[in-house]
Amino acid sequence: MSSVEEAEALSKKKSELHALAAKVASLAERRGLLERGGVPLSQSPDVEKARQSCAMILTRFMESPKAATLVDKQRWIRLTESIGEFNTVEETLQKYDWKGYCGSRLFGGLPPEQREQTILMTLQENQEALALYRRLHKRLLVHRAGVPDTTEALEEVQECSRQLSEIRFVENQDVPSEVRAFFDATSSASGANLELLTTDVVNWLSLSGMLKNFSVRAR
């Protein structure tokens, strides 16, 4: 292999490794910001396999700094596969944990179009509160769709959730008092206790087509 070909081969390997390392660094940074933001996370996947592959290939390359050394005996394949596997598992865990956090810690009230059915829309205060509810709920859904990559994005989704939980409506008196109490609780930061989910509440939600909007999660 000529010196030019050797340089090109090493440059290609450098680019491949840089992309994998950048992904590791990005995931590590995101894990840190999620932890600092109070998002419970699963234990990070074992990095020992990837570390051993890195150490072995580095030792061999220092002895013989050539592109052939990197690919000999499938060293490069094992290295990239181990790092790639780590990245895949770590990203999957973060997405799973973020989904769990959203479902258990963030605002879980009704969508605006269904919340509108339970309140007196003739009142100006309800109209203004619902307009704010719509804006915040839309922003919340956007943020919930993906794991935040910045502290600012995480703080914004938490702030949206907090503001939504503080919105209060004047309920339609045609809605049973037990159902109104349940709605008030689901709109709070702590959510509704199971004792509020009475048979009458379940039946009312079912008849109104709203039952599917709720799920039970342990605190």
N, C-alpha and C. Protein backbone atom coordinates (compact mmCIF):
# COMPACT_ATOMS: atom_id res chain seq x y z
N MET A 1 0.85 -1.20 0.00
CA MET A 1 0.00 0.00 0.00
C MET A 1 0.88 1.24 0.00
N SER A 2 0.63 2.18 -0.92
CA SER A 2 1.42 3.40 -0.99
C SER A 2 1.14 4.30 0.21
N SER A 3 1.99 5.28 0.40
CA SER A 3 1.82 6.21 1.53
C SER A 3 0.52 6.99 1.41
N VAL A 4 0.13 7.32 0.18
CA VAL A 4 -1.12 8.05 -0.04
C VAL A 4 -2.31 7.18 0.32
N GLU A 5 -2.29 5.94 -0.12
CA GLU A 5 -3.37 5.00 0.19
C GLU A 5 -3.45 4.74 1.68
N GLU A 6 -2.27 4.64 2.30
CA GLU A 6 -2.22 4.43 3.75
C GLU A 6 -2.86 5.60 4.49
N ALA A 7 -2.51 6.80 4.06
CA ALA A 7 -3.07 8.00 4.68
C ALA A 7 -4.58 8.07 4.50
N GLU A 8 -5.06 7.72 3.33
CA GLU A 8 -6.50 7.73 3.07
C GLU A 8 -7.23 6.70 3.92
N ALA A 9 -6.62 5.51 4.04
CA ALA A 9 -7.24 4.44 4.84
C ALA A 9 -7.32 4.85 6.31
N LEU A 10 -6.23 5.44 6.84
CA LEU A 10 -6.23 5.88 8.23
C LEU A 10 -7.22 7.02 8.45
N SER A 11 -7.32 7.92 7.46
CA SER A 11 -8.27 9.04 7.57
C SER A 11 -9.71 8.54 7.63
N LYS A 12 -9.98 7.52 6.83
CA LYS A 12 -11.33 6.94 6.82
C LYS A 12 -11.66 6.31 8.17
N LYS A 13 -10.70 5.58 8.74
CA LYS A 13 -10.91 4.95 10.05
C LYS A 13 -11.10 6.02 11.13
N LYS A 14 -10.32 7.10 11.00
CA LYS A 14 -10.44 8.19 11.97
C LYS A 14 -11.85 8.78 11.93
N SER A 15 -12.38 8.97 10.74
CA SER A 15 -13.72 9.55 10.59
C SER A 15 -14.79 8.63 11.18
N GLU A 16 -14.64 7.33 10.92
CA GLU A 16 -15.59 6.35 11.45
C GLU A 16 -15.59 6.36 12.98
N LEU A 17 -14.37 6.37 13.56
CA LEU A 17 -14.25 6.35 15.01
C LEU A 17 -14.74 7.65 15.62
N HIS A 18 -14.47 8.76 14.94
CA HIS A 18 -14.90 10.06 15.44
C HIS A 18 -16.43 10.13 15.53
N ALA A 19 -17.12 9.58 14.53
CA ALA A 19 -18.58 9.61 14.53
C ALA A 19 -19.14 8.79 15.70
N LEU A 20 -18.53 7.63 15.93
CA LEU A 20 -18.98 6.78 17.04
C LEU A 20 -18.71 7.45 18.39
N ALA A 21 -17.52 8.03 18.52
CA ALA A 21 -17.15 8.69 19.77
C ALA A 21 -18.02 9.91 20.04
N ALA A 22 -18.35 10.64 18.98
CA ALA A 22 -19.21 11.81 19.13
C ALA A 22 -20.59 11.41 19.64
N LYS A 23 -21.10 10.27 19.17
CA LYS A 23 -22.39 9.78 19.63
C LYS A 23 -22.33 9.39 21.10
N VAL A 24 -21.23 8.74 21.51
CA VAL A 24 -21.05 8.38 22.92
C VAL A 24 -21.06 9.65 23.78
N ALA A 25 -20.30 10.66 23.35
CA ALA A 25 -20.22 11.90 24.11
C ALA A 25 -21.58 12.60 24.20
N SER A 26 -22.33 12.58 23.09
CA SER A 26 -23.65 13.22 23.06
C SER A 26 -24.62 12.53 24.02
N LEU A 27 -24.60 11.20 24.01
CA LEU A 27 -25.48 10.44 24.90
C LEU A 27 -25.10 10.64 26.37
N ALA A 28 -23.80 10.71 26.63
CA ALA A 28 -23.33 10.92 28.00
C ALA A 28 -23.75 12.31 28.50
N GLU A 29 -23.63 13.30 27.63
CA GLU A 29 -24.03 14.65 27.99
C GLU A 29 -25.53 14.72 28.27
N ARG A 30 -26.31 14.05 27.43
CA ARG A 30 -27.77 14.05 27.62
C ARG A 30 -28.15 13.31 28.88
N ARG A 31 -27.49 12.21 29.17
CA ARG A 31 -27.76 11.48 30.42
C ARG A 31 -27.52 12.40 31.62
N GLY A 32 -26.45 13.16 31.56
CA GLY A 32 -26.14 14.07 32.65
C GLY A 32 -27.20 15.14 32.86
N LEU A 33 -27.66 15.74 31.77
CA LEU A 33 -28.66 16.81 31.92
C LEU A 33 -30.00 16.26 32.38
N LEU A 34 -30.34 15.03 31.96
CA LEU A 34 -31.58 14.42 32.42
C LEU A 34 -31.51 14.11 33.92
N GLU A 35 -30.37 13.60 34.36
CA GLU A 35 -30.21 13.30 35.78
C GLU A 35 -30.27 14.57 36.61
N ARG A 36 -29.60 15.62 36.16
CA ARG A 36 -29.63 16.89 36.89
C ARG A 36 -31.03 17.49 36.89
N GLY A 37 -31.81 17.18 35.86
CA GLY A 37 -33.17 17.70 35.77
C GLY A 37 -34.20 16.87 36.51
N GLY A 38 -33.75 15.83 37.20
CA GLY A 38 -34.67 15.03 38.02
C GLY A 38 -35.38 13.92 37.29
N VAL A 39 -34.89 13.54 36.11
CA VAL A 39 -35.51 12.43 35.37
C VAL A 39 -34.88 11.11 35.81
N PRO A 40 -35.66 10.19 36.40
CA PRO A 40 -35.10 8.90 36.82
C PRO A 40 -34.63 8.09 35.61
N LEU A 41 -33.41 7.59 35.67
CA LEU A 41 -32.84 6.86 34.53
C LEU A 41 -32.42 5.45 34.92
N SER A 42 -32.53 4.55 33.96
CA SER A 42 -32.03 3.19 34.14
C SER A 42 -30.51 3.22 34.21
N GLN A 43 -29.94 2.16 34.75
CA GLN A 43 -28.48 2.08 34.81
C GLN A 43 -27.90 2.06 33.40
N SER A 44 -26.82 2.79 33.22
CA SER A 44 -26.16 2.84 31.92
C SER A 44 -25.65 1.46 31.53
N PRO A 45 -25.69 1.09 30.25
CA PRO A 45 -25.21 -0.22 29.81
C PRO A 45 -23.72 -0.39 30.10
N ASP A 46 -23.29 -1.63 30.22
CA ASP A 46 -21.90 -1.94 30.51
C ASP A 46 -21.00 -1.51 29.36
N VAL A 47 -19.96 -0.75 29.69
CA VAL A 47 -19.04 -0.25 28.66
C VAL A 47 -17.76 -1.07 28.61
N GLU A 48 -17.67 -2.11 29.44
CA GLU A 48 -16.42 -2.87 29.53
C GLU A 48 -16.01 -3.50 28.21
N LYS A 49 -16.98 -4.04 27.49
CA LYS A 49 -16.68 -4.68 26.22
C LYS A 49 -16.06 -3.68 25.24
N ALA A 50 -16.67 -2.51 25.16
CA ALA A 50 -16.14 -1.48 24.26
C ALA A 50 -14.79 -0.98 24.74
N ARG A 51 -14.62 -0.85 26.05
CA ARG A 51 -13.34 -0.39 26.60
C ARG A 51 -12.22 -1.37 26.30
N GLN A 52 -12.50 -2.65 26.44
CA GLN A 52 -11.49 -3.67 26.15
C GLN A 52 -11.10 -3.65 24.68
N SER A 53 -12.08 -3.49 23.80
CA SER A 53 -11.78 -3.43 22.37
C SER A 53 -10.91 -2.22 22.05
N CYS A 54 -11.21 -1.09 22.66
CA CYS A 54 -10.42 0.12 22.44
C CYS A 54 -8.99 -0.06 22.92
N ALA A 55 -8.84 -0.63 24.13
CA ALA A 55 -7.51 -0.81 24.70
C ALA A 55 -6.67 -1.77 23.86
N MET A 56 -7.28 -2.84 23.39
CA MET A 56 -6.55 -3.83 22.62
C MET A 56 -6.08 -3.26 21.28
N ILE A 57 -6.99 -2.58 20.59
CA ILE A 57 -6.63 -2.07 19.28
C ILE A 57 -5.62 -0.92 19.39
N LEU A 58 -5.68 -0.15 20.47
CA LEU A 58 -4.71 0.91 20.68
C LEU A 58 -3.31 0.34 20.91
N THR A 59 -3.26 -0.72 21.72
CA THR A 59 -1.97 -1.36 21.98
C THR A 59 -1.34 -1.87 20.69
N ARG A 60 -2.12 -2.55 19.89
CA ARG A 60 -1.61 -3.10 18.63
C ARG A 60 -1.19 -1.97 17.67
N PHE A 61 -1.99 -0.91 17.64
CA PHE A 61 -1.69 0.18 16.72
C PHE A 61 -0.42 0.91 17.12
N MET A 62 -0.19 1.04 18.42
CA MET A 62 1.04 1.69 18.88
C MET A 62 2.26 0.87 18.49
N GLU A 63 2.10 -0.45 18.48
CA GLU A 63 3.20 -1.32 18.08
C GLU A 63 3.45 -1.24 16.58
N SER A 64 2.36 -1.13 15.81
CA SER A 64 2.48 -1.08 14.35
C SER A 64 1.41 -0.12 13.81
N PRO A 65 1.74 1.17 13.73
CA PRO A 65 0.76 2.20 13.34
C PRO A 65 0.41 2.18 11.86
N LYS A 66 -0.35 1.18 11.47
CA LYS A 66 -0.79 1.04 10.09
C LYS A 66 -2.28 0.72 10.04
N ALA A 67 -2.89 1.04 8.92
CA ALA A 67 -4.30 0.73 8.75
C ALA A 67 -4.56 -0.76 8.83
N ALA A 68 -3.62 -1.54 8.31
CA ALA A 68 -3.78 -3.00 8.33
C ALA A 68 -3.86 -3.53 9.74
N THR A 69 -3.17 -2.87 10.67
CA THR A 69 -3.20 -3.30 12.07
C THR A 69 -4.61 -3.17 12.64
N LEU A 70 -5.30 -2.12 12.23
CA LEU A 70 -6.65 -1.87 12.75
C LEU A 70 -7.64 -2.93 12.31
N VAL A 71 -7.53 -3.37 11.06
CA VAL A 71 -8.52 -4.30 10.52
C VAL A 71 -8.11 -5.76 10.68
N ASP A 72 -6.85 -5.99 11.04
CA ASP A 72 -6.37 -7.37 11.17
C ASP A 72 -7.16 -8.11 12.25
N LYS A 73 -7.48 -9.37 11.98
CA LYS A 73 -8.18 -10.24 12.92
C LYS A 73 -9.51 -9.65 13.37
N GLN A 74 -10.14 -8.92 12.49
CA GLN A 74 -11.47 -8.32 12.74
C GLN A 74 -11.47 -7.36 13.93
N ARG A 75 -10.33 -6.78 14.25
CA ARG A 75 -10.25 -5.86 15.39
C ARG A 75 -11.19 -4.66 15.19
N TRP A 76 -11.13 -4.09 13.99
CA TRP A 76 -11.95 -2.89 13.73
C TRP A 76 -13.43 -3.22 13.76
N ILE A 77 -13.80 -4.35 13.25
CA ILE A 77 -15.21 -4.77 13.27
C ILE A 77 -15.70 -4.92 14.70
N ARG A 78 -14.88 -5.59 15.53
CA ARG A 78 -15.28 -5.78 16.93
C ARG A 78 -15.37 -4.46 17.67
N LEU A 79 -14.43 -3.57 17.37
CA LEU A 79 -14.44 -2.27 18.03
C LEU A 79 -15.69 -1.47 17.68
N THR A 80 -15.96 -1.32 16.38
CA THR A 80 -17.10 -0.51 15.96
C THR A 80 -18.43 -1.14 16.39
N GLU A 81 -18.49 -2.45 16.36
CA GLU A 81 -19.72 -3.13 16.78
C GLU A 81 -19.97 -2.94 18.27
N SER A 82 -18.93 -3.02 19.09
CA SER A 82 -19.11 -2.87 20.53
C SER A 82 -19.52 -1.44 20.90
N ILE A 83 -18.90 -0.46 20.24
CA ILE A 83 -19.28 0.93 20.52
C ILE A 83 -20.69 1.20 19.97
N GLY A 84 -20.97 0.69 18.78
CA GLY A 84 -22.30 0.87 18.20
C GLY A 84 -23.39 0.25 19.04
N GLU A 85 -23.10 -0.93 19.59
CA GLU A 85 -24.07 -1.61 20.45
C GLU A 85 -24.32 -0.81 21.71
N PHE A 86 -23.25 -0.26 22.30
CA PHE A 86 -23.40 0.58 23.49
C PHE A 86 -24.30 1.78 23.18
N ASN A 87 -24.02 2.45 22.06
CA ASN A 87 -24.81 3.62 21.69
C ASN A 87 -26.29 3.28 21.51
N THR A 88 -26.55 2.16 20.86
CA THR A 88 -27.94 1.76 20.59
C THR A 88 -28.69 1.47 21.89
N VAL A 89 -28.05 0.73 22.78
CA VAL A 89 -28.69 0.38 24.06
C VAL A 89 -28.91 1.62 24.91
N GLU A 90 -27.90 2.48 24.99
CA GLU A 90 -28.02 3.69 25.81
C GLU A 90 -29.12 4.60 25.28
N GLU A 91 -29.19 4.78 23.98
CA GLU A 91 -30.22 5.65 23.41
C GLU A 91 -31.62 5.06 23.63
N THR A 92 -31.74 3.75 23.50
CA THR A 92 -33.03 3.09 23.74
C THR A 92 -33.47 3.27 25.18
N LEU A 93 -32.54 3.12 26.13
CA LEU A 93 -32.86 3.30 27.54
C LEU A 93 -33.31 4.73 27.83
N GLN A 94 -32.62 5.69 27.27
CA GLN A 94 -32.98 7.08 27.51
C GLN A 94 -34.38 7.39 26.97
N LYS A 95 -34.70 6.87 25.80
CA LYS A 95 -36.03 7.09 25.23
C LYS A 95 -37.10 6.44 26.10
N TYR A 96 -36.82 5.23 26.57
CA TYR A 96 -37.78 4.51 27.42
C TYR A 96 -37.98 5.26 28.73
N ASP A 97 -36.89 5.71 29.34
CA ASP A 97 -36.98 6.42 30.62
C ASP A 97 -37.68 7.77 30.46
N TRP A 98 -37.44 8.44 29.34
CA TRP A 98 -38.11 9.73 29.10
C TRP A 98 -39.61 9.52 28.94
N LYS A 99 -40.00 8.48 28.23
CA LYS A 99 -41.42 8.18 28.06
C LYS A 99 -42.07 7.88 29.41
N GLY A 100 -41.37 7.13 30.24
CA GLY A 100 -41.90 6.84 31.57
C GLY A 100 -42.02 8.08 32.42
N TYR A 101 -41.04 8.97 32.33
CA TYR A 101 -41.08 10.22 33.09
C TYR A 101 -42.25 11.08 32.65
N CYS A 102 -42.45 11.18 31.34
CA CYS A 102 -43.56 11.98 30.82
C CYS A 102 -44.90 11.43 31.30
N GLY A 103 -45.01 10.10 31.31
CA GLY A 103 -46.28 9.48 31.69
C GLY A 103 -46.57 9.53 33.17
N SER A 104 -45.53 9.63 34.00
CA SER A 104 -45.74 9.56 35.44
C SER A 104 -45.50 10.88 36.18
N ARG A 105 -44.70 11.78 35.60
CA ARG A 105 -44.33 13.00 36.32
C ARG A 105 -44.84 14.28 35.68
N LEU A 106 -45.15 14.26 34.41
CA LEU A 106 -45.61 15.47 33.74
C LEU A 106 -47.14 15.51 33.67
N PHE A 107 -47.65 16.66 33.29
CA PHE A 107 -49.09 16.88 33.22
C PHE A 107 -49.78 15.81 32.38
N GLY A 108 -50.88 15.27 32.93
CA GLY A 108 -51.58 14.20 32.23
C GLY A 108 -53.06 14.43 32.06
N GLY A 109 -53.46 15.70 32.00
CA GLY A 109 -54.88 16.02 31.85
C GLY A 109 -55.40 15.78 30.45
N LEU A 110 -56.69 16.05 30.26
CA LEU A 110 -57.35 15.83 28.98
C LEU A 110 -56.82 16.73 27.88
N PRO A 111 -56.93 16.29 26.62
CA PRO A 111 -56.64 17.18 25.49
C PRO A 111 -57.61 18.36 25.53
N PRO A 112 -57.22 19.52 25.00
CA PRO A 112 -58.06 20.73 25.07
C PRO A 112 -59.47 20.53 24.53
N GLU A 113 -59.60 19.80 23.39
CA GLU A 113 -60.93 19.65 22.80
C GLU A 113 -61.87 18.87 23.69
N GLN A 114 -61.35 17.97 24.51
CA GLN A 114 -62.21 17.22 25.43
C GLN A 114 -62.39 17.98 26.75
N ARG A 115 -61.37 18.72 27.16
CA ARG A 115 -61.52 19.53 28.39
C ARG A 115 -62.59 20.59 28.18
N GLU A 116 -62.73 21.08 26.96
CA GLU A 116 -63.72 22.10 26.65
C GLU A 116 -65.14 21.60 26.91
N GLN A 117 -65.34 20.30 26.77
CA GLN A 117 -66.67 19.73 26.96
C GLN A 117 -67.13 19.75 28.41
N THR A 118 -66.20 19.96 29.33
CA THR A 118 -66.55 19.86 30.76
C THR A 118 -66.65 21.21 31.45
N ILE A 119 -66.42 22.30 30.72
CA ILE A 119 -66.40 23.61 31.36
C ILE A 119 -67.43 24.56 30.72
N LEU A 120 -67.72 25.66 31.41
CA LEU A 120 -68.67 26.65 30.92
C LEU A 120 -67.95 27.61 29.98
N MET A 121 -68.16 27.45 28.68
CA MET A 121 -67.46 28.26 27.70
C MET A 121 -68.09 29.64 27.51
N THR A 122 -69.20 29.91 28.20
CA THR A 122 -69.79 31.24 28.13
C THR A 122 -69.03 32.23 29.00
N LEU A 123 -68.21 31.73 29.91
CA LEU A 123 -67.46 32.59 30.82
C LEU A 123 -66.15 33.04 30.16
N GLN A 124 -65.88 34.35 30.25
CA GLN A 124 -64.66 34.90 29.67
C GLN A 124 -63.41 34.28 30.29
N GLU A 125 -63.46 34.06 31.61
CA GLU A 125 -62.29 33.49 32.29
C GLU A 125 -61.99 32.08 31.79
N ASN A 126 -63.02 31.31 31.47
CA ASN A 126 -62.81 29.98 30.92
C ASN A 126 -62.25 30.04 29.50
N GLN A 127 -62.72 31.00 28.71
CA GLN A 127 -62.23 31.15 27.35
C GLN A 127 -60.74 31.49 27.34
N GLU A 128 -60.35 32.39 28.23
CA GLU A 128 -58.94 32.78 28.31
C GLU A 128 -58.09 31.63 28.85
N ALA A 129 -58.61 30.93 29.86
CA ALA A 129 -57.86 29.82 30.44
C ALA A 129 -57.70 28.69 29.44
N LEU A 130 -58.73 28.43 28.64
CA LEU A 130 -58.65 27.36 27.65
C LEU A 130 -57.68 27.72 26.53
N ALA A 131 -57.63 28.99 26.15
CA ALA A 131 -56.69 29.42 25.12
C ALA A 131 -55.25 29.18 25.59
N LEU A 132 -54.98 29.51 26.85
CA LEU A 132 -53.66 29.24 27.42
C LEU A 132 -53.41 27.74 27.50
N TYR A 133 -54.42 27.00 27.90
CA TYR A 133 -54.34 25.54 28.00
C TYR A 133 -53.96 24.93 26.66
N ARG A 134 -54.59 25.42 25.59
CA ARG A 134 -54.30 24.90 24.24
C ARG A 134 -52.84 25.14 23.87
N ARG A 135 -52.36 26.36 24.11
CA ARG A 135 -50.98 26.70 23.73
C ARG A 135 -49.97 25.85 24.51
N LEU A 136 -50.19 25.75 25.80
CA LEU A 136 -49.25 24.99 26.63
C LEU A 136 -49.31 23.50 26.32
N HIS A 137 -50.51 22.99 26.10
CA HIS A 137 -50.67 21.56 25.81
C HIS A 137 -49.97 21.21 24.49
N LYS A 138 -50.08 22.08 23.51
CA LYS A 138 -49.43 21.84 22.22
C LYS A 138 -47.92 21.81 22.38
N ARG A 139 -47.38 22.76 23.14
CA ARG A 139 -45.93 22.79 23.38
C ARG A 139 -45.48 21.57 24.16
N LEU A 140 -46.30 21.15 25.11
CA LEU A 140 -45.95 19.98 25.91
C LEU A 140 -45.85 18.74 25.04
N LEU A 141 -46.80 18.55 24.14
CA LEU A 141 -46.80 17.38 23.26
C LEU A 141 -45.57 17.38 22.35
N VAL A 142 -45.18 18.55 21.88
CA VAL A 142 -43.99 18.64 21.02
C VAL A 142 -42.76 18.19 21.78
N HIS A 143 -42.61 18.65 23.00
CA HIS A 143 -41.43 18.30 23.80
C HIS A 143 -41.45 16.83 24.23
N ARG A 144 -42.61 16.32 24.51
CA ARG A 144 -42.71 14.93 24.95
C ARG A 144 -42.34 13.94 23.85
N ALA A 145 -42.43 14.38 22.60
CA ALA A 145 -42.21 13.48 21.47
C ALA A 145 -40.77 13.00 21.37
N GLY A 146 -39.83 13.74 21.94
CA GLY A 146 -38.43 13.34 21.86
C GLY A 146 -37.68 13.70 23.11
N VAL A 147 -36.60 12.98 23.39
CA VAL A 147 -35.80 13.25 24.59
C VAL A 147 -35.10 14.60 24.41
N PRO A 148 -35.22 15.51 25.37
CA PRO A 148 -34.57 16.82 25.24
C PRO A 148 -33.04 16.70 25.23
N ASP A 149 -32.41 17.50 24.38
CA ASP A 149 -30.96 17.47 24.26
C ASP A 149 -30.27 18.62 24.98
N THR A 150 -31.08 19.56 25.49
CA THR A 150 -30.50 20.70 26.19
C THR A 150 -31.23 20.93 27.50
N THR A 151 -30.55 21.59 28.41
CA THR A 151 -31.16 21.93 29.70
C THR A 151 -32.36 22.84 29.48
N GLU A 152 -32.23 23.75 28.53
CA GLU A 152 -33.32 24.70 28.24
C GLU A 152 -34.58 23.97 27.79
N ALA A 153 -34.42 22.97 26.93
CA ALA A 153 -35.57 22.21 26.43
C ALA A 153 -36.23 21.43 27.56
N LEU A 154 -35.42 20.85 28.44
CA LEU A 154 -35.97 20.09 29.57
C LEU A 154 -36.72 21.02 30.52
N GLU A 155 -36.14 22.16 30.81
CA GLU A 155 -36.79 23.11 31.71
C GLU A 155 -38.08 23.64 31.11
N GLU A 156 -38.12 23.80 29.79
CA GLU A 156 -39.34 24.30 29.15
C GLU A 156 -40.48 23.30 29.25
N VAL A 157 -40.19 22.02 29.03
CA VAL A 157 -41.26 21.03 29.12
C VAL A 157 -41.75 20.91 30.57
N GLN A 158 -40.84 21.02 31.52
CA GLN A 158 -41.25 20.98 32.93
C GLN A 158 -42.07 22.20 33.30
N GLU A 159 -41.71 23.34 32.74
CA GLU A 159 -42.46 24.57 33.01
C GLU A 159 -43.85 24.51 32.37
N CYS A 160 -43.94 23.96 31.17
CA CYS A 160 -45.25 23.78 30.52
C CYS A 160 -46.14 22.90 31.39
N SER A 161 -45.57 21.82 31.90
CA SER A 161 -46.32 20.90 32.74
C SER A 161 -46.80 21.61 34.01
N ARG A 162 -45.91 22.39 34.61
CA ARG A 162 -46.27 23.11 35.85
C ARG A 162 -47.40 24.10 35.60
N GLN A 163 -47.29 24.87 34.53
CA GLN A 163 -48.32 25.86 34.24
C GLN A 163 -49.66 25.22 33.93
N LEU A 164 -49.63 24.12 33.20
CA LEU A 164 -50.88 23.41 32.89
C LEU A 164 -51.56 22.92 34.16
N SER A 165 -50.76 22.43 35.10
CA SER A 165 -51.33 21.90 36.34
C SER A 165 -51.94 22.99 37.21
N GLU A 166 -51.59 24.24 36.95
CA GLU A 166 -52.11 25.35 37.77
C GLU A 166 -53.34 26.02 37.15
N ILE A 167 -53.69 25.65 35.93
CA ILE A 167 -54.87 26.24 35.28
C ILE A 167 -56.14 25.68 35.92
N ARG A 168 -57.03 26.58 36.27
CA ARG A 168 -58.30 26.19 36.88
C ARG A 168 -59.46 26.72 36.04
N PHE A 169 -60.47 25.87 35.88
CA PHE A 169 -61.66 26.24 35.11
C PHE A 169 -62.88 26.25 36.02
N VAL A 170 -63.90 26.98 35.59
CA VAL A 170 -65.23 26.87 36.21
C VAL A 170 -65.93 25.75 35.47
N GLU A 171 -66.20 24.66 36.20
CA GLU A 171 -66.75 23.47 35.55
C GLU A 171 -68.24 23.62 35.25
N ASN A 172 -68.66 22.92 34.21
CA ASN A 172 -70.07 22.84 33.87
C ASN A 172 -70.80 22.06 34.96
N GLN A 173 -71.84 22.66 35.51
CA GLN A 173 -72.56 22.01 36.61
C GLN A 173 -73.31 20.76 36.15
N ASP A 174 -73.44 20.58 34.84
CA ASP A 174 -74.06 19.34 34.35
C ASP A 174 -73.11 18.15 34.54
N VAL A 175 -71.85 18.43 34.72
CA VAL A 175 -70.87 17.37 34.98
C VAL A 175 -70.96 16.98 36.44
N PRO A 176 -71.12 15.71 36.76
CA PRO A 176 -71.25 15.27 38.15
C PRO A 176 -70.09 15.76 39.01
N SER A 177 -70.38 16.01 40.28
CA SER A 177 -69.35 16.55 41.19
C SER A 177 -68.16 15.60 41.32
N GLU A 178 -68.41 14.29 41.31
CA GLU A 178 -67.31 13.33 41.42
C GLU A 178 -66.38 13.43 40.21
N VAL A 179 -66.97 13.66 39.05
CA VAL A 179 -66.17 13.79 37.82
C VAL A 179 -65.38 15.09 37.85
N ARG A 180 -66.02 16.18 38.35
CA ARG A 180 -65.31 17.46 38.44
C ARG A 180 -64.11 17.34 39.38
N ALA A 181 -64.30 16.63 40.49
CA ALA A 181 -63.21 16.43 41.44
C ALA A 181 -62.08 15.62 40.81
N PHE A 182 -62.46 14.64 40.00
CA PHE A 182 -61.46 13.81 39.31
C PHE A 182 -60.66 14.66 38.32
N PHE A 183 -61.34 15.51 37.55
CA PHE A 183 -60.66 16.38 36.58
C PHE A 183 -59.71 17.34 37.28
N ASP A 184 -60.15 17.90 38.41
CA ASP A 184 -59.29 18.82 39.15
C ASP A 184 -58.01 18.11 39.59
N ALA A 185 -58.17 16.86 40.03
CA ALA A 185 -57.01 16.11 40.51
C ALA A 185 -56.07 15.73 39.39
N THR A 186 -56.62 15.32 38.23
CA THR A 186 -55.75 14.94 37.11
C THR A 186 -54.99 16.13 36.55
N SER A 187 -55.50 17.32 36.80
CA SER A 187 -54.82 18.52 36.32
C SER A 187 -53.78 19.04 37.29
N SER A 188 -53.69 18.41 38.45
CA SER A 188 -52.71 18.84 39.45
C SER A 188 -51.37 18.15 39.20
N ALA A 189 -50.34 18.64 39.87
CA ALA A 189 -48.99 18.08 39.69
C ALA A 189 -48.89 16.65 40.20
N SER A 190 -49.67 16.33 41.24
CA SER A 190 -49.58 15.00 41.84
C SER A 190 -50.50 13.97 41.19
N GLY A 191 -51.47 14.42 40.38
CA GLY A 191 -52.38 13.50 39.73
C GLY A 191 -53.53 13.08 40.64
N ALA A 192 -54.37 12.18 40.14
CA ALA A 192 -55.56 11.75 40.88
C ALA A 192 -55.30 10.44 41.61
N ASN A 193 -55.78 10.36 42.85
CA ASN A 193 -55.71 9.11 43.59
C ASN A 193 -56.73 8.13 43.03
N LEU A 194 -56.46 6.84 43.20
CA LEU A 194 -57.38 5.83 42.69
C LEU A 194 -58.75 5.92 43.35
N GLU A 195 -58.79 6.44 44.57
CA GLU A 195 -60.07 6.53 45.27
C GLU A 195 -61.03 7.49 44.57
N LEU A 196 -60.48 8.39 43.74
CA LEU A 196 -61.34 9.32 42.99
C LEU A 196 -61.93 8.67 41.75
N LEU A 197 -61.35 7.54 41.34
CA LEU A 197 -61.83 6.86 40.13
C LEU A 197 -62.95 5.89 40.52
N THR A 198 -64.08 6.46 40.88
CA THR A 198 -65.23 5.67 41.31
C THR A 198 -65.93 5.05 40.10
N THR A 199 -66.86 4.16 40.38
CA THR A 199 -67.64 3.53 39.30
C THR A 199 -68.40 4.57 38.49
N ASP A 200 -68.96 5.56 39.19
CA ASP A 200 -69.71 6.63 38.49
C ASP A 200 -68.79 7.44 37.58
N VAL A 201 -67.57 7.70 38.04
CA VAL A 201 -66.62 8.46 37.24
C VAL A 201 -66.22 7.66 36.00
N VAL A 202 -65.94 6.37 36.19
CA VAL A 202 -65.56 5.51 35.08
C VAL A 202 -66.68 5.44 34.05
N ASN A 203 -67.90 5.28 34.52
CA ASN A 203 -69.05 5.20 33.61
C ASN A 203 -69.23 6.51 32.83
N TRP A 204 -69.07 7.65 33.52
CA TRP A 204 -69.24 8.94 32.86
C TRP A 204 -68.15 9.14 31.80
N LEU A 205 -66.92 8.80 32.14
CA LEU A 205 -65.81 8.93 31.20
C LEU A 205 -66.03 8.03 29.98
N SER A 206 -66.52 6.84 30.25
CA SER A 206 -66.75 5.88 29.16
C SER A 206 -67.84 6.38 28.22
N LEU A 207 -68.94 6.86 28.78
CA LEU A 207 -70.04 7.35 27.96
C LEU A 207 -69.64 8.61 27.18
N SER A 208 -68.70 9.37 27.74
CA SER A 208 -68.25 10.62 27.09
C SER A 208 -67.09 10.38 26.13
N GLY A 209 -66.66 9.13 26.01
CA GLY A 209 -65.55 8.82 25.11
C GLY A 209 -64.20 9.31 25.59
N MET A 210 -64.05 9.48 26.91
CA MET A 210 -62.81 10.02 27.46
C MET A 210 -61.99 8.99 28.23
N LEU A 211 -62.52 7.83 28.44
CA LEU A 211 -61.85 6.85 29.31
C LEU A 211 -60.47 6.47 28.78
N LYS A 212 -60.34 6.41 27.46
CA LYS A 212 -59.06 5.99 26.86
C LYS A 212 -57.95 7.00 27.08
N ASN A 213 -58.31 8.21 27.54
CA ASN A 213 -57.29 9.23 27.75
C ASN A 213 -56.55 9.08 29.07
N PHE A 214 -56.94 8.12 29.88
CA PHE A 214 -56.36 7.98 31.19
C PHE A 214 -55.73 6.61 31.37
N SER A 215 -54.63 6.56 32.14
CA SER A 215 -53.99 5.30 32.49
C SER A 215 -53.53 5.39 33.94
N VAL A 216 -53.34 4.25 34.58
CA VAL A 216 -52.92 4.21 35.98
C VAL A 216 -51.43 3.94 36.04
N ARG A 217 -50.72 4.75 36.82
CA ARG A 217 -49.28 4.57 37.02
C ARG A 217 -48.96 4.72 38.51
N ALA A 218 -48.01 3.90 38.97
CA ALA A 218 -47.57 4.00 40.34
C ALA A 218 -46.71 5.26 40.53
N ARG A 219 -46.79 5.87 41.68
CA ARG A 219 -46.00 7.06 41.94
C ARG A 219 -44.59 6.67 42.39
